[in-house]
């Protein structure tokens, strides 16, 4: 699969991945795993906002 690699497309994919992680965290039964998934989701969203601020 050859996706366009524009900043907008990367931001969209990052946001989608963060949302997927958030949904996985909601379904997780282990509290530690749930926390790790939520932290990773927040990191991805934070990186996305840093990239957008730099544009």
N, C-alpha and C. Protein backbone atom coordinates (compact mmCIF):
# COMPACT_ATOMS: atom_id res chain seq x y z
N UNK A 1 0.85 -1.16 0.00
CA UNK A 1 0.00 0.00 0.00
C UNK A 1 0.90 1.23 0.00
N UNK A 2 0.72 2.09 -0.99
CA UNK A 2 1.54 3.27 -1.14
C UNK A 2 0.70 4.51 -0.81
N UNK A 3 0.80 4.98 0.44
CA UNK A 3 0.02 6.13 0.87
C UNK A 3 0.77 7.42 0.60
N UNK A 4 0.06 8.50 0.29
CA UNK A 4 0.72 9.80 0.13
C UNK A 4 1.40 10.18 1.44
N UNK A 5 2.57 10.78 1.36
CA UNK A 5 3.31 11.10 2.57
C UNK A 5 3.39 12.62 2.76
N UNK A 6 2.24 13.25 2.76
CA UNK A 6 2.18 14.69 3.00
C UNK A 6 2.00 14.91 4.50
N UNK A 7 2.36 16.08 5.01
CA UNK A 7 2.16 16.35 6.44
C UNK A 7 0.71 16.16 6.88
N UNK A 8 -0.22 16.54 6.06
CA UNK A 8 -1.64 16.38 6.40
C UNK A 8 -2.01 14.91 6.50
N UNK A 9 -1.52 14.12 5.56
CA UNK A 9 -1.81 12.68 5.56
C UNK A 9 -1.16 12.00 6.76
N UNK A 10 0.07 12.36 7.07
CA UNK A 10 0.74 11.78 8.25
C UNK A 10 -0.02 12.14 9.53
N UNK A 11 -0.48 13.37 9.64
CA UNK A 11 -1.24 13.81 10.82
C UNK A 11 -2.54 13.02 10.93
N UNK A 12 -3.20 12.81 9.81
CA UNK A 12 -4.45 12.05 9.83
C UNK A 12 -4.22 10.62 10.29
N UNK A 13 -3.17 9.98 9.75
CA UNK A 13 -2.86 8.60 10.14
C UNK A 13 -2.47 8.53 11.61
N UNK A 14 -1.71 9.51 12.09
CA UNK A 14 -1.31 9.53 13.50
C UNK A 14 -2.53 9.67 14.40
N UNK A 15 -3.44 10.57 14.02
CA UNK A 15 -4.66 10.78 14.80
C UNK A 15 -5.51 9.52 14.82
N UNK A 16 -5.62 8.84 13.67
CA UNK A 16 -6.38 7.59 13.62
C UNK A 16 -5.75 6.52 14.51
N UNK A 17 -4.44 6.44 14.48
CA UNK A 17 -3.73 5.45 15.32
C UNK A 17 -3.96 5.76 16.80
N UNK A 18 -3.90 7.03 17.18
CA UNK A 18 -4.14 7.42 18.57
C UNK A 18 -5.56 7.06 18.98
N UNK A 19 -6.53 7.26 18.09
CA UNK A 19 -7.91 6.90 18.40
C UNK A 19 -8.07 5.39 18.57
N UNK A 20 -7.38 4.62 17.72
CA UNK A 20 -7.41 3.16 17.84
C UNK A 20 -6.85 2.73 19.20
N UNK A 21 -5.75 3.35 19.60
CA UNK A 21 -5.15 3.01 20.89
C UNK A 21 -6.10 3.37 22.04
N UNK A 22 -6.78 4.49 21.91
CA UNK A 22 -7.75 4.89 22.93
C UNK A 22 -8.88 3.88 23.05
N UNK A 23 -9.37 3.41 21.91
CA UNK A 23 -10.44 2.40 21.94
C UNK A 23 -9.92 1.09 22.53
N UNK A 24 -8.69 0.72 22.20
CA UNK A 24 -8.11 -0.50 22.76
C UNK A 24 -7.96 -0.36 24.27
N UNK A 25 -7.59 0.83 24.73
CA UNK A 25 -7.47 1.07 26.17
C UNK A 25 -8.82 0.91 26.86
N UNK A 26 -9.87 1.38 26.21
CA UNK A 26 -11.22 1.24 26.78
C UNK A 26 -11.61 -0.23 26.94
N UNK A 27 -11.13 -1.09 26.03
CA UNK A 27 -11.47 -2.51 26.07
C UNK A 27 -10.52 -3.32 26.96
N UNK A 28 -9.35 -2.79 27.26
CA UNK A 28 -8.34 -3.54 28.01
C UNK A 28 -8.85 -3.87 29.42
N UNK A 29 -8.55 -5.08 29.85
CA UNK A 29 -8.98 -5.49 31.19
C UNK A 29 -7.87 -5.29 32.23
N UNK A 30 -6.63 -5.34 31.80
CA UNK A 30 -5.52 -5.16 32.72
C UNK A 30 -5.27 -3.65 32.92
N UNK A 31 -5.35 -3.16 34.15
CA UNK A 31 -5.18 -1.72 34.39
C UNK A 31 -3.83 -1.17 33.91
N UNK A 32 -2.76 -1.94 34.07
CA UNK A 32 -1.45 -1.47 33.62
C UNK A 32 -1.40 -1.36 32.09
N UNK A 33 -1.95 -2.34 31.42
CA UNK A 33 -1.98 -2.31 29.95
C UNK A 33 -2.85 -1.14 29.47
N UNK A 34 -3.99 -0.94 30.13
CA UNK A 34 -4.87 0.17 29.78
C UNK A 34 -4.12 1.50 29.91
N UNK A 35 -3.37 1.66 30.99
CA UNK A 35 -2.62 2.89 31.21
C UNK A 35 -1.55 3.09 30.15
N UNK A 36 -0.83 2.02 29.80
CA UNK A 36 0.21 2.13 28.76
C UNK A 36 -0.40 2.55 27.42
N UNK A 37 -1.54 1.96 27.07
CA UNK A 37 -2.20 2.31 25.81
C UNK A 37 -2.63 3.77 25.81
N UNK A 38 -3.18 4.23 26.92
CA UNK A 38 -3.61 5.64 27.00
C UNK A 38 -2.42 6.58 26.91
N UNK A 39 -1.31 6.23 27.57
CA UNK A 39 -0.12 7.07 27.51
C UNK A 39 0.42 7.14 26.08
N UNK A 40 0.44 6.01 25.40
CA UNK A 40 0.94 6.00 24.02
C UNK A 40 0.03 6.84 23.13
N UNK A 41 -1.27 6.75 23.34
CA UNK A 41 -2.22 7.55 22.57
C UNK A 41 -1.97 9.04 22.80
N UNK A 42 -1.78 9.43 24.06
CA UNK A 42 -1.50 10.85 24.37
C UNK A 42 -0.19 11.31 23.76
N UNK A 43 0.83 10.44 23.77
CA UNK A 43 2.11 10.80 23.16
C UNK A 43 1.95 11.05 21.67
N UNK A 44 1.22 10.16 21.01
CA UNK A 44 1.00 10.33 19.56
C UNK A 44 0.28 11.64 19.28
N UNK A 45 -0.74 11.94 20.06
CA UNK A 45 -1.47 13.18 19.85
C UNK A 45 -0.60 14.39 20.17
N UNK A 46 0.27 14.27 21.15
CA UNK A 46 1.19 15.36 21.48
C UNK A 46 2.18 15.60 20.37
N UNK A 47 2.70 14.51 19.78
CA UNK A 47 3.64 14.65 18.67
C UNK A 47 2.96 15.30 17.48
N UNK A 48 1.70 14.94 17.26
CA UNK A 48 0.96 15.52 16.14
C UNK A 48 0.80 17.02 16.33
N UNK A 49 0.48 17.44 17.54
CA UNK A 49 0.28 18.89 17.76
C UNK A 49 1.60 19.64 17.65
N UNK A 50 2.71 19.01 18.04
CA UNK A 50 4.01 19.66 17.89
C UNK A 50 4.35 19.85 16.42
N UNK A 51 4.04 18.87 15.60
CA UNK A 51 4.31 18.96 14.17
C UNK A 51 3.46 20.07 13.56
N UNK A 52 2.19 20.15 13.94
CA UNK A 52 1.31 21.17 13.40
C UNK A 52 1.75 22.56 13.83
N UNK A 53 2.24 22.72 15.06
CA UNK A 53 2.71 24.01 15.52
C UNK A 53 3.96 24.44 14.76
N UNK A 54 4.79 23.49 14.36
CA UNK A 54 6.02 23.78 13.64
C UNK A 54 5.79 24.13 12.19
N UNK A 55 4.61 23.84 11.65
CA UNK A 55 4.33 24.12 10.23
C UNK A 55 4.08 25.59 10.00
